[in-house]
Amino acid sequence: QPGGSLRLSCAASGFALGDHAIAWFRQAPGKE
């Protein structure tokens, strides 16, 4: 609901996250 919270996780394998710049993106329907 509006005002609520979530914690998203991203589990990586095959490489080390610490060796890269890392980011979160989002895409809504019909948008870039």
PDB file of all heavy atoms in Angstrom:
ATOM      1  N   GLN A   1       0.825  -1.199   0.000  1.00  0.00           N
ATOM      2  CA  GLN A   1       0.000   0.000   0.000  1.00  0.00           C
ATOM      3  C   GLN A   1       0.865   1.257   0.000  1.00  0.00           C
ATOM      4  O   GLN A   1       2.026   1.223   0.427  1.00  0.00           O
ATOM      5  CB  GLN A   1      -0.918   0.008   1.222  1.00  0.00           C
ATOM      6  CG  GLN A   1      -1.998  -1.064   1.191  1.00  0.00           C
ATOM      7  CD  GLN A   1      -2.978  -0.927   2.326  1.00  0.00           C
ATOM      8  OE1 GLN A   1      -2.611  -0.561   3.441  1.00  0.00           O
ATOM      9  NE2 GLN A   1      -4.240  -1.218   2.053  1.00  0.00           N
ATOM     10  N   PRO A   2       0.325   2.367  -0.498  1.00  0.00           N
ATOM     11  CA  PRO A   2       1.085   3.616  -0.438  1.00  0.00           C
ATOM     12  C   PRO A   2       1.572   3.912   0.969  1.00  0.00           C
ATOM     13  O   PRO A   2       0.835   3.754   1.944  1.00  0.00           O
ATOM     14  CB  PRO A   2       0.077   4.660  -0.917  1.00  0.00           C
ATOM     15  CG  PRO A   2      -0.844   3.890  -1.809  1.00  0.00           C
ATOM     16  CD  PRO A   2      -0.967   2.536  -1.179  1.00  0.00           C
ATOM     17  N   GLY A   3       2.813   4.355   1.066  1.00  0.00           N
ATOM     18  CA  GLY A   3       3.429   4.612   2.350  1.00  0.00           C
ATOM     19  C   GLY A   3       4.183   3.431   2.920  1.00  0.00           C
ATOM     20  O   GLY A   3       4.907   3.583   3.913  1.00  0.00           O
ATOM     21  N   GLY A   4       4.048   2.276   2.304  1.00  0.00           N
ATOM     22  CA  GLY A   4       4.714   1.084   2.777  1.00  0.00           C
ATOM     23  C   GLY A   4       6.160   1.002   2.345  1.00  0.00           C
ATOM     24  O   GLY A   4       6.686   1.887   1.666  1.00  0.00           O
ATOM     25  N   SER A   5       6.801  -0.093   2.733  1.00  0.00           N
ATOM     26  CA  SER A   5       8.220  -0.291   2.461  1.00  0.00           C
ATOM     27  C   SER A   5       8.476  -1.677   1.886  1.00  0.00           C
ATOM     28  O   SER A   5       7.729  -2.619   2.151  1.00  0.00           O
ATOM     29  CB  SER A   5       9.041  -0.129   3.741  1.00  0.00           C
ATOM     30  OG  SER A   5       8.923   1.178   4.276  1.00  0.00           O
ATOM     31  N   LEU A   6       9.537  -1.780   1.120  1.00  0.00           N
ATOM     32  CA  LEU A   6      10.015  -3.049   0.601  1.00  0.00           C
ATOM     33  C   LEU A   6      11.529  -3.043   0.598  1.00  0.00           C
ATOM     34  O   LEU A   6      12.155  -1.991   0.457  1.00  0.00           O
ATOM     35  CB  LEU A   6       9.515  -3.300  -0.822  1.00  0.00           C
ATOM     36  CG  LEU A   6       8.053  -3.683  -1.018  1.00  0.00           C
ATOM     37  CD1 LEU A   6       7.725  -3.698  -2.514  1.00  0.00           C
ATOM     38  CD2 LEU A   6       7.762  -5.044  -0.404  1.00  0.00           C
ATOM     39  N   ARG A   7      12.101  -4.222   0.727  1.00  0.00           N
ATOM     40  CA  ARG A   7      13.540  -4.393   0.576  1.00  0.00           C
ATOM     41  C   ARG A   7      13.780  -5.389  -0.547  1.00  0.00           C
ATOM     42  O   ARG A   7      13.474  -6.574  -0.410  1.00  0.00           O
ATOM     43  CB  ARG A   7      14.186  -4.894   1.865  1.00  0.00           C
ATOM     44  CG  ARG A   7      15.712  -4.850   1.834  1.00  0.00           C
ATOM     45  CD  ARG A   7      16.306  -5.622   2.993  1.00  0.00           C
ATOM     46  NE  ARG A   7      17.733  -5.370   3.147  1.00  0.00           N
ATOM     47  CZ  ARG A   7      18.567  -6.164   3.791  1.00  0.00           C
ATOM     48  NH1 ARG A   7      18.111  -7.273   4.362  1.00  0.00           N
ATOM     49  NH2 ARG A   7      19.855  -5.847   3.883  1.00  0.00           N
ATOM     50  N   LEU A   8      14.326  -4.897  -1.636  1.00  0.00           N
ATOM     51  CA  LEU A   8      14.632  -5.738  -2.772  1.00  0.00           C
ATOM     52  C   LEU A   8      16.039  -6.301  -2.644  1.00  0.00           C
ATOM     53  O   LEU A   8      16.942  -5.634  -2.142  1.00  0.00           O
ATOM     54  CB  LEU A   8      14.519  -4.952  -4.073  1.00  0.00           C
ATOM     55  CG  LEU A   8      13.217  -4.179  -4.303  1.00  0.00           C
ATOM     56  CD1 LEU A   8      13.235  -3.521  -5.675  1.00  0.00           C
ATOM     57  CD2 LEU A   8      12.004  -5.092  -4.148  1.00  0.00           C
ATOM     58  N   SER A   9      16.212  -7.521  -3.117  1.00  0.00           N
ATOM     59  CA  SER A   9      17.510  -8.169  -3.090  1.00  0.00           C
ATOM     60  C   SER A   9      17.912  -8.584  -4.493  1.00  0.00           C
ATOM     61  O   SER A   9      17.064  -8.868  -5.342  1.00  0.00           O
ATOM     62  CB  SER A   9      17.486  -9.407  -2.189  1.00  0.00           C
ATOM     63  OG  SER A   9      17.180  -9.069  -0.855  1.00  0.00           O
ATOM     64  N   CYS A  10      19.203  -8.631  -4.725  1.00  0.00           N
ATOM     65  CA  CYS A  10      19.756  -9.087  -5.994  1.00  0.00           C
ATOM     66  C   CYS A  10      20.932  -9.989  -5.690  1.00  0.00           C
ATOM     67  O   CYS A  10      21.982  -9.521  -5.238  1.00  0.00           O
ATOM     68  CB  CYS A  10      20.185  -7.894  -6.844  1.00  0.00           C
ATOM     69  SG  CYS A  10      21.066  -8.321  -8.354  1.00  0.00           S
ATOM     70  N   ALA A  11      20.755 -11.272  -5.917  1.00  0.00           N
ATOM     71  CA  ALA A  11      21.812 -12.247  -5.675  1.00  0.00           C
ATOM     72  C   ALA A  11      22.621 -12.447  -6.946  1.00  0.00           C
ATOM     73  O   ALA A  11      22.065 -12.783  -8.000  1.00  0.00           O
ATOM     74  CB  ALA A  11      21.204 -13.569  -5.210  1.00  0.00           C
ATOM     75  N   ALA A  12      23.915 -12.241  -6.846  1.00  0.00           N
ATOM     76  CA  ALA A  12      24.797 -12.352  -8.000  1.00  0.00           C
ATOM     77  C   ALA A  12      25.622 -13.626  -7.919  1.00  0.00           C
ATOM     78  O   ALA A  12      26.038 -14.056  -6.841  1.00  0.00           O
ATOM     79  CB  ALA A  12      25.721 -11.142  -8.085  1.00  0.00           C
ATOM     80  N   SER A  13      25.871 -14.224  -9.064  1.00  0.00           N
ATOM     81  CA  SER A  13      26.740 -15.384  -9.152  1.00  0.00           C
ATOM     82  C   SER A  13      27.535 -15.313 -10.453  1.00  0.00           C
ATOM     83  O   SER A  13      27.118 -14.685 -11.418  1.00  0.00           O
ATOM     84  CB  SER A  13      25.943 -16.690  -9.073  1.00  0.00           C
ATOM     85  OG  SER A  13      24.988 -16.771 -10.120  1.00  0.00           O
ATOM     86  N   GLY A  14      28.684 -15.953 -10.463  1.00  0.00           N
ATOM     87  CA  GLY A  14      29.526 -15.957 -11.635  1.00  0.00           C
ATOM     88  C   GLY A  14      30.458 -14.767 -11.750  1.00  0.00           C
ATOM     89  O   GLY A  14      31.297 -14.732 -12.662  1.00  0.00           O
ATOM     90  N   PHE A  15      30.313 -13.811 -10.881  1.00  0.00           N
ATOM     91  CA  PHE A  15      31.182 -12.639 -10.830  1.00  0.00           C
ATOM     92  C   PHE A  15      31.019 -11.986  -9.474  1.00  0.00           C
ATOM     93  O   PHE A  15      30.078 -12.302  -8.729  1.00  0.00           O
ATOM     94  CB  PHE A  15      30.861 -11.652 -11.960  1.00  0.00           C
ATOM     95  CG  PHE A  15      29.593 -10.889 -11.744  1.00  0.00           C
ATOM     96  CD1 PHE A  15      29.624  -9.563 -11.324  1.00  0.00           C
ATOM     97  CD2 PHE A  15      28.360 -11.480 -11.945  1.00  0.00           C
ATOM     98  CE1 PHE A  15      28.455  -8.847 -11.126  1.00  0.00           C
ATOM     99  CE2 PHE A  15      27.184 -10.778 -11.746  1.00  0.00           C
ATOM    100  CZ  PHE A  15      27.235  -9.458 -11.337  1.00  0.00           C
ATOM    101  N   ALA A  16      31.904 -11.068  -9.155  1.00  0.00           N
ATOM    102  CA  ALA A  16      31.864 -10.370  -7.877  1.00  0.00           C
ATOM    103  C   ALA A  16      31.270  -8.982  -8.059  1.00  0.00           C
ATOM    104  O   ALA A  16      31.759  -8.191  -8.864  1.00  0.00           O
ATOM    105  CB  ALA A  16      33.259 -10.267  -7.275  1.00  0.00           C
ATOM    106  N   LEU A  17      30.225  -8.695  -7.297  1.00  0.00           N
ATOM    107  CA  LEU A  17      29.618  -7.370  -7.361  1.00  0.00           C
ATOM    108  C   LEU A  17      30.619  -6.278  -7.023  1.00  0.00           C
ATOM    109  O   LEU A  17      30.539  -5.175  -7.561  1.00  0.00           O
ATOM    110  CB  LEU A  17      28.424  -7.294  -6.405  1.00  0.00           C
ATOM    111  CG  LEU A  17      27.146  -8.027  -6.814  1.00  0.00           C
ATOM    112  CD1 LEU A  17      26.135  -7.967  -5.676  1.00  0.00           C
ATOM    113  CD2 LEU A  17      26.565  -7.427  -8.079  1.00  0.00           C
ATOM    114  N   GLY A  18      31.539  -6.575  -6.132  1.00  0.00           N
ATOM    115  CA  GLY A  18      32.518  -5.588  -5.723  1.00  0.00           C
ATOM    116  C   GLY A  18      33.481  -5.170  -6.815  1.00  0.00           C
ATOM    117  O   GLY A  18      34.179  -4.160  -6.650  1.00  0.00           O
ATOM    118  N   ASP A  19      33.524  -5.899  -7.910  1.00  0.00           N
ATOM    119  CA  ASP A  19      34.407  -5.559  -9.018  1.00  0.00           C
ATOM    120  C   ASP A  19      33.754  -4.629 -10.035  1.00  0.00           C
ATOM    121  O   ASP A  19      34.385  -4.278 -11.036  1.00  0.00           O
ATOM    122  CB  ASP A  19      34.859  -6.828  -9.742  1.00  0.00           C
ATOM    123  CG  ASP A  19      35.756  -7.694  -8.891  1.00  0.00           C
ATOM    124  OD1 ASP A  19      36.349  -7.183  -7.924  1.00  0.00           O
ATOM    125  OD2 ASP A  19      35.874  -8.899  -9.196  1.00  0.00           O
ATOM    126  N   HIS A  20      32.515  -4.237  -9.810  1.00  0.00           N
ATOM    127  CA  HIS A  20      31.772  -3.430 -10.769  1.00  0.00           C
ATOM    128  C   HIS A  20      31.074  -2.268 -10.095  1.00  0.00           C
ATOM    129  O   HIS A  20      30.809  -2.292  -8.888  1.00  0.00           O
ATOM    130  CB  HIS A  20      30.691  -4.282 -11.455  1.00  0.00           C
ATOM    131  CG  HIS A  20      31.215  -5.393 -12.293  1.00  0.00           C
ATOM    132  ND1 HIS A  20      31.657  -6.575 -11.762  1.00  0.00           N
ATOM    133  CD2 HIS A  20      31.357  -5.502 -13.638  1.00  0.00           C
ATOM    134  CE1 HIS A  20      32.052  -7.372 -12.733  1.00  0.00           C
ATOM    135  NE2 HIS A  20      31.875  -6.744 -13.879  1.00  0.00           N
ATOM    136  N   ALA A  21      30.773  -1.263 -10.887  1.00  0.00           N
ATOM    137  CA  ALA A  21      29.713  -0.355 -10.508  1.00  0.00           C
ATOM    138  C   ALA A  21      28.405  -1.135 -10.597  1.00  0.00           C
ATOM    139  O   ALA A  21      28.238  -1.974 -11.482  1.00  0.00           O
ATOM    140  CB  ALA A  21      29.672   0.857 -11.433  1.00  0.00           C
ATOM    141  N   ILE A  22      27.486  -0.889  -9.690  1.00  0.00           N
ATOM    142  CA  ILE A  22      26.236  -1.632  -9.671  1.00  0.00           C
ATOM    143  C   ILE A  22      25.078  -0.664  -9.527  1.00  0.00           C
ATOM    144  O   ILE A  22      25.229   0.436  -8.990  1.00  0.00           O
ATOM    145  CB  ILE A  22      26.208  -2.684  -8.548  1.00  0.00           C
ATOM    146  CG1 ILE A  22      26.626  -2.057  -7.206  1.00  0.00           C
ATOM    147  CG2 ILE A  22      27.124  -3.847  -8.876  1.00  0.00           C
ATOM    148  CD1 ILE A  22      26.523  -3.006  -6.034  1.00  0.00           C
ATOM    149  N   ALA A  23      23.912  -1.092  -9.988  1.00  0.00           N
ATOM    150  CA  ALA A  23      22.784  -0.174 -10.040  1.00  0.00           C
ATOM    151  C   ALA A  23      21.464  -0.911  -9.960  1.00  0.00           C
ATOM    152  O   ALA A  23      21.370  -2.111 -10.249  1.00  0.00           O
ATOM    153  CB  ALA A  23      22.825   0.646 -11.330  1.00  0.00           C
ATOM    154  N   TRP A  24      20.449  -0.177  -9.568  1.00  0.00           N
ATOM    155  CA  TRP A  24      19.067  -0.605  -9.674  1.00  0.00           C
ATOM    156  C   TRP A  24      18.375   0.246 -10.725  1.00  0.00           C
ATOM    157  O   TRP A  24      18.507   1.474 -10.724  1.00  0.00           O
ATOM    158  CB  TRP A  24      18.321  -0.463  -8.341  1.00  0.00           C
ATOM    159  CG  TRP A  24      18.649  -1.512  -7.331  1.00  0.00           C
ATOM    160  CD1 TRP A  24      19.543  -1.425  -6.315  1.00  0.00           C
ATOM    161  CD2 TRP A  24      18.057  -2.812  -7.236  1.00  0.00           C
ATOM    162  NE1 TRP A  24      19.555  -2.588  -5.587  1.00  0.00           N
ATOM    163  CE2 TRP A  24      18.652  -3.459  -6.126  1.00  0.00           C
ATOM    164  CE3 TRP A  24      17.084  -3.488  -7.971  1.00  0.00           C
ATOM    165  CZ2 TRP A  24      18.305  -4.758  -5.742  1.00  0.00           C
ATOM    166  CZ3 TRP A  24      16.743  -4.776  -7.585  1.00  0.00           C
ATOM    167  CH2 TRP A  24      17.348  -5.394  -6.489  1.00  0.00           C
ATOM    168  N   PHE A  25      17.638  -0.416 -11.588  1.00  0.00           N
ATOM    169  CA  PHE A  25      16.794   0.232 -12.585  1.00  0.00           C
ATOM    170  C   PHE A  25      15.349  -0.177 -12.354  1.00  0.00           C
ATOM    171  O   PHE A  25      15.078  -1.162 -11.675  1.00  0.00           O
ATOM    172  CB  PHE A  25      17.201  -0.176 -14.004  1.00  0.00           C
ATOM    173  CG  PHE A  25      18.484   0.425 -14.494  1.00  0.00           C
ATOM    174  CD1 PHE A  25      19.705  -0.021 -14.020  1.00  0.00           C
ATOM    175  CD2 PHE A  25      18.475   1.426 -15.451  1.00  0.00           C
ATOM    176  CE1 PHE A  25      20.895   0.510 -14.480  1.00  0.00           C
ATOM    177  CE2 PHE A  25      19.656   1.973 -15.932  1.00  0.00           C
ATOM    178  CZ  PHE A  25      20.859   1.516 -15.444  1.00  0.00           C
ATOM    179  N   ARG A  26      14.445   0.561 -12.955  1.00  0.00           N
ATOM    180  CA  ARG A  26      13.051   0.152 -12.954  1.00  0.00           C
ATOM    181  C   ARG A  26      12.416   0.514 -14.283  1.00  0.00           C
ATOM    182  O   ARG A  26      12.854   1.433 -14.964  1.00  0.00           O
ATOM    183  CB  ARG A  26      12.267   0.783 -11.803  1.00  0.00           C
ATOM    184  CG  ARG A  26      12.089   2.289 -11.889  1.00  0.00           C
ATOM    185  CD  ARG A  26      11.414   2.802 -10.625  1.00  0.00           C
ATOM    186  NE  ARG A  26      11.202   4.238 -10.657  1.00  0.00           N
ATOM    187  CZ  ARG A  26      10.746   4.943  -9.628  1.00  0.00           C
ATOM    188  NH1 ARG A  26      10.458   4.335  -8.474  1.00  0.00           N
ATOM    189  NH2 ARG A  26      10.580   6.256  -9.743  1.00  0.00           N
ATOM    190  N   GLN A  27      11.384  -0.229 -14.628  1.00  0.00           N
ATOM    191  CA  GLN A  27      10.675   0.014 -15.867  1.00  0.00           C
ATOM    192  C   GLN A  27       9.186  -0.193 -15.643  1.00  0.00           C
ATOM    193  O   GLN A  27       8.750  -1.289 -15.294  1.00  0.00           O
ATOM    194  CB  GLN A  27      11.176  -0.902 -16.984  1.00  0.00           C
ATOM    195  CG  GLN A  27      10.600  -0.569 -18.345  1.00  0.00           C
ATOM    196  CD  GLN A  27      11.354  -1.246 -19.473  1.00  0.00           C
ATOM    197  OE1 GLN A  27      12.013  -2.268 -19.271  1.00  0.00           O
ATOM    198  NE2 GLN A  27      11.273  -0.685 -20.660  1.00  0.00           N
ATOM    199  N   ALA A  28       8.438   0.867 -15.846  1.00  0.00           N
ATOM    200  CA  ALA A  28       6.991   0.808 -15.764  1.00  0.00           C
ATOM    201  C   ALA A  28       6.429   0.511 -17.151  1.00  0.00           C
ATOM    202  O   ALA A  28       7.079   0.783 -18.167  1.00  0.00           O
ATOM    203  CB  ALA A  28       6.432   2.122 -15.239  1.00  0.00           C
ATOM    204  N   PRO A  29       5.224  -0.040 -17.228  1.00  0.00           N
ATOM    205  CA  PRO A  29       4.630  -0.350 -18.529  1.00  0.00           C
ATOM    206  C   PRO A  29       4.586   0.864 -19.445  1.00  0.00           C
ATOM    207  O   PRO A  29       4.145   1.940 -19.046  1.00  0.00           O
ATOM    208  CB  PRO A  29       3.224  -0.828 -18.171  1.00  0.00           C
ATOM    209  CG  PRO A  29       3.348  -1.360 -16.782  1.00  0.00           C
ATOM    210  CD  PRO A  29       4.346  -0.464 -16.115  1.00  0.00           C
ATOM    211  N   GLY A  30       5.063   0.691 -20.667  1.00  0.00           N
ATOM    212  CA  GLY A  30       5.041   1.756 -21.643  1.00  0.00           C
ATOM    213  C   GLY A  30       6.094   2.829 -21.470  1.00  0.00           C
ATOM    214  O   GLY A  30       6.080   3.820 -22.204  1.00  0.00           O
ATOM    215  N   LYS A  31       6.996   2.646 -20.530  1.00  0.00           N
ATOM    216  CA  LYS A  31       8.021   3.643 -20.274  1.00  0.00           C
ATOM    217  C   LYS A  31       9.414   3.058 -20.451  1.00  0.00           C
ATOM    218  O   LYS A  31       9.603   1.842 -20.428  1.00  0.00           O
ATOM    219  CB  LYS A  31       7.875   4.209 -18.859  1.00  0.00           C
ATOM    220  CG  LYS A  31       6.580   4.968 -18.627  1.00  0.00           C
ATOM    221  CD  LYS A  31       6.555   5.596 -17.253  1.00  0.00           C
ATOM    222  CE  LYS A  31       5.279   6.398 -17.041  1.00  0.00           C
ATOM    223  NZ  LYS A  31       5.246   7.017 -15.690  1.00  0.00           N
ATOM    224  N   GLU A  32      10.383   3.947 -20.629  1.00  0.00           N
ATOM    225  CA  GLU A  32      11.769   3.528 -20.749  1.00  0.00           C
ATOM    226  C   GLU A  32      12.318   3.095 -19.394  1.00  0.00           C
ATOM    227  O   GLU A  32      11.852   3.538 -18.340  1.00  0.00           O
ATOM    228  CB  GLU A  32      12.614   4.666 -21.313  1.00  0.00           C
ATOM    229  CG  GLU A  32      12.251   5.086 -22.725  1.00  0.00           C
ATOM    230  CD  GLU A  32      12.537   4.002 -23.731  1.00  0.00           C
ATOM    231  OE1 GLU A  32      13.553   3.284 -23.573  1.00  0.00           O
ATOM    232  OE2 GLU A  32      11.756   3.860 -24.678  1.00  0.00           O
TER     233      GLU A  32
END
